[in-house]
Amino acid sequence: MGEITVVGSINIDIVAFTDYYPDRGETIFGKEMATLSGGKGANQAVASARLGKKVHMIGAVGCDVHGDTVIDSMNNNGVNTSHIKQVEESSTGCAIITVDHTAENTMLVVKGANDDLTRNDIQQAFATINDSKVLLVQMEVPEEAVIESMIEARKKGMFVVLDPAPADGITERALQYADIIVPNKQETKQLTGIDVTDLDSAHQAAEYFNRIGIKCSIIKMGSKGSLVYEQGKTEYIEAIQVKAIDTVGAGDSFAGALGTALADGSDLVTAAKFANIVAALKVTKLGAQAGLPTNVQVNEFCEEKGFSHYLFNPLKT
């Protein structure tokens, strides 16, 4: 089965848990704090690796203790980190995250070394990557690196999955190279101007993407589920009801699981249903990477919820 390549950010996450967010200028006491490995790219790489895929990670970190920590975390999860560069001039990217009692989060990201990933770095890495079926990419690294990775992936016949996050980093130029985009409600509004509140508005957004050349999309609506749009056909995927503990990394677990299923030959709707299951399981666990499920945990969750008909052979251990 096919391998996966991920191009994206690598961060250290400083996570504070609180009952409610402070108002501007207000000081409150939180409940606890954790320092965890994160970054959208690294999260997606670990998500795929934990689901049994061979994963190449391309990114940049600083020559500091946080850089060593995040690389060790990926190595321990089976990710190939040989294409991660460490730079002297910048510190490892950092996300300062606050999680409230509803498990929703706010996030302030200092990109640091992520901004040092270059077009040349991408070319050098792809020169030795020949067996990946899927590229996962996001918008927390420079546009030139994002677009170059998509061009190189297309040359090698990879299916390009763009998670257009964060919304502030989205560029229209990057969209033209994607085979599918998987935006959430905020990112969809940023790209289309459409406020997704229901299936009708989600369909309008998917049609907008189709008109500008993106034939496949998955509009993620959080607790309202997802809409899969493929070549003019749509299918609604209902949200799975779970008790959420930490939503940090939920979208990354979705992208990693989607890429895993697609690399193993699943059709888009089946892959999206599987990704929906993995994301639901992720939010019941703490940590953007630490909470990502393994094959065994996914299978157990599927059996518990009665989703066994969504399982496919590569996930069985």
Protein backbone atom coordinates (compact mmCIF):
# COMPACT_ATOMS: atom_id res chain seq x y z
CA MET A 1 0.00 0.00 0.00
CA GLY A 2 1.07 3.58 -0.62
CA GLU A 3 3.10 5.78 1.67
CA ILE A 4 2.29 9.34 2.72
CA THR A 5 4.34 12.54 2.58
CA VAL A 6 3.50 15.48 4.83
CA VAL A 7 4.76 19.03 4.35
CA GLY A 8 3.94 21.41 7.16
CA SER A 9 4.53 22.98 10.51
CA ILE A 10 6.24 21.46 13.53
CA ASN A 11 5.59 23.16 16.87
CA ILE A 12 5.82 22.76 20.58
CA ASP A 13 2.39 23.29 22.18
CA ILE A 14 2.06 25.06 25.53
CA VAL A 15 -1.48 24.20 26.60
CA ALA A 16 -3.36 25.82 29.49
CA PHE A 17 -6.69 24.44 30.73
CA THR A 18 -9.24 26.79 32.23
CA ASP A 19 -12.95 26.96 33.04
CA TYR A 20 -13.38 30.05 30.89
CA TYR A 21 -11.29 32.44 28.81
CA PRO A 22 -10.09 35.70 30.38
CA ASP A 23 -11.42 38.96 29.01
CA ARG A 24 -8.94 41.40 27.58
CA GLY A 25 -6.82 42.79 30.42
CA GLU A 26 -8.17 40.23 32.91
CA THR A 27 -6.07 37.79 34.94
CA ILE A 28 -7.61 34.46 35.95
CA PHE A 29 -6.28 31.21 37.37
CA GLY A 30 -6.12 28.17 35.14
CA LYS A 31 -6.46 24.52 36.15
CA GLU A 32 -3.32 22.92 34.71
CA MET A 33 -0.66 23.31 32.01
CA ALA A 34 1.05 20.87 29.66
CA THR A 35 3.91 21.12 27.15
CA LEU A 36 3.23 18.82 24.21
CA SER A 37 4.47 18.13 20.68
CA GLY A 38 2.32 19.68 17.96
CA GLY A 39 2.15 21.62 14.71
CA LYS A 40 -0.40 20.87 12.00
CA GLY A 41 2.10 19.08 9.78
CA ALA A 42 3.62 17.00 12.55
CA ASN A 43 0.18 16.13 13.92
CA GLN A 44 -0.99 14.87 10.54
CA ALA A 45 2.20 12.85 10.09
CA VAL A 46 1.83 11.18 13.49
CA ALA A 47 -1.87 10.55 12.87
CA SER A 48 -1.07 8.63 9.68
CA ALA A 49 1.88 6.79 11.23
CA ARG A 50 -0.21 5.62 14.18
CA LEU A 51 -2.70 4.24 11.69
CA GLY A 52 0.00 2.09 10.17
CA LYS A 53 1.36 4.17 7.30
CA LYS A 54 4.97 4.83 6.40
CA VAL A 55 5.21 8.63 6.56
CA HIS A 56 7.82 11.13 5.37
CA MET A 57 7.76 14.46 7.25
CA ILE A 58 9.19 17.59 5.61
CA GLY A 59 9.55 20.66 7.82
CA ALA A 60 11.88 22.83 9.88
CA VAL A 61 12.66 23.27 13.59
CA GLY A 62 15.19 25.23 15.59
CA CYS A 63 18.44 23.94 17.06
CA ASP A 64 16.96 23.96 20.54
CA VAL A 65 15.50 21.62 23.14
CA HIS A 66 11.99 21.97 21.71
CA GLY A 67 13.26 20.98 18.27
CA ASP A 68 14.84 17.86 19.73
CA THR A 69 11.63 17.08 21.62
CA VAL A 70 9.32 17.25 18.62
CA ILE A 71 11.68 15.24 16.41
CA ASP A 72 11.96 12.57 19.12
CA SER A 73 8.18 12.45 19.37
CA MET A 74 7.82 11.81 15.65
CA ASN A 75 10.60 9.22 15.64
CA ASN A 76 8.92 7.41 18.52
CA ASN A 77 5.72 7.28 16.48
CA GLY A 78 7.44 5.82 13.42
CA VAL A 79 7.62 8.95 11.27
CA ASN A 80 10.62 9.34 8.94
CA THR A 81 12.21 12.60 10.11
CA SER A 82 15.25 12.60 7.80
CA HIS A 83 13.78 15.49 5.77
CA ILE A 84 13.37 17.81 8.78
CA LYS A 85 16.01 20.53 8.90
CA GLN A 86 17.22 22.23 12.06
CA VAL A 87 18.12 25.91 11.73
CA GLU A 88 20.36 28.02 13.94
CA GLU A 89 18.71 31.36 13.22
CA SER A 90 15.20 30.60 14.52
CA SER A 91 13.60 28.87 17.45
CA THR A 92 11.20 25.96 17.05
CA GLY A 93 7.65 27.06 16.32
CA CYS A 94 5.40 27.43 19.35
CA ALA A 95 1.64 27.38 19.83
CA ILE A 96 0.18 28.90 23.00
CA ILE A 97 -3.18 27.20 23.47
CA THR A 98 -6.03 27.73 25.91
CA VAL A 99 -8.68 25.03 26.32
CA ASP A 100 -11.91 25.85 28.16
CA HIS A 101 -14.49 23.67 29.93
CA THR A 102 -16.28 22.91 26.64
CA ALA A 103 -13.00 21.52 25.18
CA GLU A 104 -12.92 24.32 22.60
CA ASN A 105 -9.60 26.10 22.13
CA THR A 106 -7.97 29.37 21.20
CA MET A 107 -4.50 29.33 19.74
CA LEU A 108 -1.67 31.82 19.24
CA VAL A 109 1.06 30.47 16.96
CA VAL A 110 4.59 31.86 16.69
CA LYS A 111 5.87 30.22 13.51
CA GLY A 112 9.60 30.48 14.25
CA ALA A 113 11.63 27.99 12.22
CA ASN A 114 8.57 26.96 10.21
CA ASP A 115 9.14 30.13 8.18
CA ASP A 116 12.60 28.86 7.19
CA LEU A 117 11.26 26.00 5.04
CA THR A 118 12.22 26.84 1.44
CA ARG A 119 11.43 25.79 -2.10
CA ASN A 120 14.93 24.25 -2.31
CA ASP A 121 14.27 22.17 0.82
CA ILE A 122 11.16 20.76 -0.82
CA GLN A 123 12.96 19.90 -4.05
CA GLN A 124 15.78 18.13 -2.20
CA ALA A 125 13.34 16.07 -0.13
CA PHE A 126 11.12 15.06 -3.05
CA ALA A 127 14.16 13.97 -5.05
CA THR A 128 14.41 10.93 -2.76
CA ILE A 129 10.69 10.28 -2.16
CA ASN A 130 9.28 7.99 -4.83
CA ASP A 131 6.63 5.74 -3.30
CA SER A 132 4.12 8.08 -1.65
CA LYS A 133 0.53 7.99 -2.89
CA VAL A 134 -0.74 11.00 -0.94
CA LEU A 135 0.60 14.45 0.00
CA LEU A 136 -0.85 16.17 3.06
CA VAL A 137 -0.15 19.90 3.23
CA GLN A 138 -1.40 22.92 5.20
CA MET A 139 -0.75 26.67 5.35
CA GLU A 140 1.50 27.15 8.40
CA VAL A 141 4.72 27.17 6.34
CA PRO A 142 5.72 29.62 3.57
CA GLU A 143 3.57 29.69 0.45
CA GLU A 144 6.54 28.93 -1.81
CA ALA A 145 7.18 25.68 0.09
CA VAL A 146 3.50 24.73 0.04
CA ILE A 147 3.10 25.28 -3.69
CA GLU A 148 6.42 23.65 -4.59
CA SER A 149 5.44 20.55 -2.61
CA MET A 150 2.13 20.35 -4.45
CA ILE A 151 3.84 20.73 -7.83
CA GLU A 152 6.40 18.05 -6.97
CA ALA A 153 3.67 15.74 -5.68
CA ARG A 154 1.68 16.13 -8.89
CA LYS A 155 4.80 15.19 -10.90
CA LYS A 156 5.05 11.96 -8.90
CA GLY A 157 1.37 11.11 -9.25
CA MET A 158 0.44 11.81 -5.62
CA PHE A 159 -3.08 12.76 -4.58
CA VAL A 160 -2.83 16.22 -2.98
CA VAL A 161 -4.89 16.89 0.15
CA LEU A 162 -4.85 20.55 1.22
CA ASP A 163 -5.99 21.42 4.72
CA PRO A 164 -6.36 25.20 4.18
CA ALA A 165 -5.50 26.14 7.74
CA PRO A 166 -5.06 28.48 9.39
CA ALA A 167 -7.52 30.80 7.66
CA ASP A 168 -5.02 33.69 7.77
CA GLY A 169 -2.50 31.68 5.77
CA ILE A 170 -4.75 30.68 2.88
CA THR A 171 -3.81 31.86 -0.60
CA GLU A 172 -5.89 31.37 -3.74
CA ARG A 173 -2.75 30.42 -5.65
CA ALA A 174 -2.30 27.33 -3.51
CA LEU A 175 -5.83 26.12 -4.19
CA GLN A 176 -5.24 25.43 -7.88
CA TYR A 177 -2.80 22.60 -7.13
CA ALA A 178 -5.03 20.68 -4.70
CA ASP A 179 -6.97 17.55 -5.61
CA ILE A 180 -9.16 18.06 -2.55
CA ILE A 181 -9.49 20.66 0.19
CA VAL A 182 -10.86 19.97 3.68
CA PRO A 183 -11.77 23.33 5.27
CA ASN A 184 -13.68 23.87 8.50
CA LYS A 185 -16.42 26.48 8.83
CA GLN A 186 -14.06 29.39 9.49
CA GLU A 187 -11.74 28.53 6.62
CA THR A 188 -14.68 28.01 4.28
CA LYS A 189 -15.99 31.48 5.07
CA GLN A 190 -12.52 32.97 4.55
CA LEU A 191 -12.28 31.36 1.11
CA THR A 192 -15.85 31.68 -0.15
CA GLY A 193 -17.55 34.38 1.91
CA ILE A 194 -20.24 31.82 2.74
CA ASP A 195 -21.19 31.34 6.39
CA VAL A 196 -21.71 27.59 6.69
CA THR A 197 -24.58 26.97 9.10
CA ASP A 198 -26.35 23.98 7.52
CA LEU A 199 -26.21 21.52 4.63
CA ASP A 200 -27.55 24.02 2.11
CA SER A 201 -24.83 26.57 2.84
CA ALA A 202 -22.19 23.83 2.91
CA HIS A 203 -23.36 22.71 -0.54
CA GLN A 204 -23.17 26.30 -1.79
CA ALA A 205 -19.58 26.51 -0.59
CA ALA A 206 -18.67 23.21 -2.26
CA GLU A 207 -20.23 24.45 -5.51
CA TYR A 208 -18.15 27.62 -5.20
CA PHE A 209 -14.98 25.55 -4.92
CA ASN A 210 -16.10 23.47 -7.91
CA ARG A 211 -16.55 26.62 -10.02
CA ILE A 212 -12.97 27.74 -9.31
CA GLY A 213 -11.59 24.34 -10.26
CA ILE A 214 -11.55 22.34 -7.02
CA LYS A 215 -13.69 19.35 -7.93
CA CYS A 216 -13.52 17.61 -4.55
CA SER A 217 -13.99 19.06 -1.08
CA ILE A 218 -15.03 18.07 2.41
CA ILE A 219 -16.74 20.90 4.29
CA LYS A 220 -16.29 20.20 8.01
CA MET A 221 -19.11 21.61 10.15
CA GLY A 222 -17.97 20.47 13.60
CA SER A 223 -20.86 19.09 15.63
CA LYS A 224 -23.08 19.29 12.53
CA GLY A 225 -21.03 16.74 10.60
CA SER A 226 -19.36 17.01 7.20
CA LEU A 227 -20.38 17.35 3.57
CA VAL A 228 -18.37 15.37 1.02
CA TYR A 229 -18.48 16.87 -2.47
CA GLU A 230 -16.98 14.89 -5.36
CA GLN A 231 -17.39 15.81 -9.00
CA GLY A 232 -20.85 17.28 -8.41
CA LYS A 233 -22.08 14.48 -6.11
CA THR A 234 -22.58 15.02 -2.39
CA GLU A 235 -22.89 12.87 0.70
CA TYR A 236 -23.56 13.99 4.25
CA ILE A 237 -21.61 12.41 7.11
CA GLU A 238 -23.23 12.78 10.49
CA ALA A 239 -21.13 13.86 13.46
CA ILE A 240 -20.34 11.18 16.06
CA GLN A 241 -21.47 12.09 19.55
CA VAL A 242 -18.65 11.79 22.11
CA LYS A 243 -17.61 13.55 25.30
CA ALA A 244 -14.91 15.93 24.09
CA ILE A 245 -11.86 16.50 26.30
CA ASP A 246 -9.51 18.33 23.92
CA THR A 247 -10.33 19.49 20.37
CA VAL A 248 -6.74 20.55 19.60
CA GLY A 249 -5.59 18.47 16.63
CA ALA A 250 -9.06 17.21 15.68
CA GLY A 251 -8.75 18.59 12.15
CA ASP A 252 -5.25 17.17 11.84
CA SER A 253 -6.41 13.71 12.90
CA PHE A 254 -9.14 13.99 10.26
CA ALA A 255 -6.62 14.88 7.53
CA GLY A 256 -4.16 12.17 8.62
CA ALA A 257 -6.86 9.50 8.65
CA LEU A 258 -8.26 10.69 5.32
CA GLY A 259 -4.82 10.45 3.74
CA THR A 260 -4.29 7.01 5.26
CA ALA A 261 -7.52 5.64 3.79
CA LEU A 262 -6.93 7.22 0.39
CA ALA A 263 -3.38 5.85 0.25
CA ASP A 264 -4.82 2.41 0.92
CA GLY A 265 -7.22 2.70 -2.01
CA SER A 266 -10.47 3.70 -0.34
CA ASP A 267 -12.97 5.84 -2.22
CA LEU A 268 -13.44 9.40 -0.96
CA VAL A 269 -16.71 8.86 0.92
CA THR A 270 -15.41 5.78 2.75
CA ALA A 271 -12.18 7.62 3.56
CA ALA A 272 -14.14 10.60 4.90
CA LYS A 273 -16.30 8.37 7.09
CA PHE A 274 -13.18 6.76 8.50
CA ALA A 275 -11.59 10.17 9.11
CA ASN A 276 -14.76 11.24 10.92
CA ILE A 277 -14.41 8.25 13.25
CA VAL A 278 -10.73 8.92 13.97
CA ALA A 279 -11.38 12.62 14.68
CA ALA A 280 -14.23 11.75 17.06
CA LEU A 281 -11.96 9.38 18.97
CA LYS A 282 -9.13 11.96 19.06
CA VAL A 283 -11.20 14.64 20.86
CA THR A 284 -11.81 12.23 23.74
CA LYS A 285 -8.04 12.24 24.45
CA LEU A 286 -5.63 14.93 25.64
CA GLY A 287 -2.90 16.27 23.38
CA ALA A 288 -2.72 17.11 19.66
CA GLN A 289 -0.32 14.18 19.14
CA ALA A 290 -0.53 12.26 22.40
CA GLY A 291 -4.27 11.86 21.88
CA LEU A 292 -4.04 10.43 18.36
CA PRO A 293 -5.41 6.88 18.19
CA THR A 294 -3.69 3.69 17.07
CA ASN A 295 -5.16 0.98 14.83
CA VAL A 296 -6.21 -1.08 17.82
CA GLN A 297 -7.94 1.86 19.52
CA VAL A 298 -9.81 2.77 16.32
CA ASN A 299 -11.04 -0.78 15.88
CA GLU A 300 -12.17 -0.99 19.50
CA PHE A 301 -14.00 2.35 19.16
CA CYS A 302 -15.69 1.20 15.95
CA GLU A 303 -16.90 -1.99 17.56
CA GLU A 304 -18.17 -0.08 20.59
CA LYS A 305 -20.08 2.38 18.39
CA GLY A 306 -21.25 -0.19 15.86
CA PHE A 307 -19.14 1.17 13.01
CA SER A 308 -17.40 -2.09 12.12
CA HIS A 309 -18.74 -1.93 8.55
CA TYR A 310 -16.48 1.09 7.95
CA LEU A 311 -13.31 -0.82 8.77
CA PHE A 312 -11.11 -2.00 5.95
CA ASN A 313 -8.24 -4.45 5.88
CA PRO A 314 -5.21 -2.16 6.39
CA LEU A 315 -6.59 -1.15 9.78
CA LYS A 316 -6.98 -4.67 11.09
CA THR A 317 -4.11 -5.78 13.31
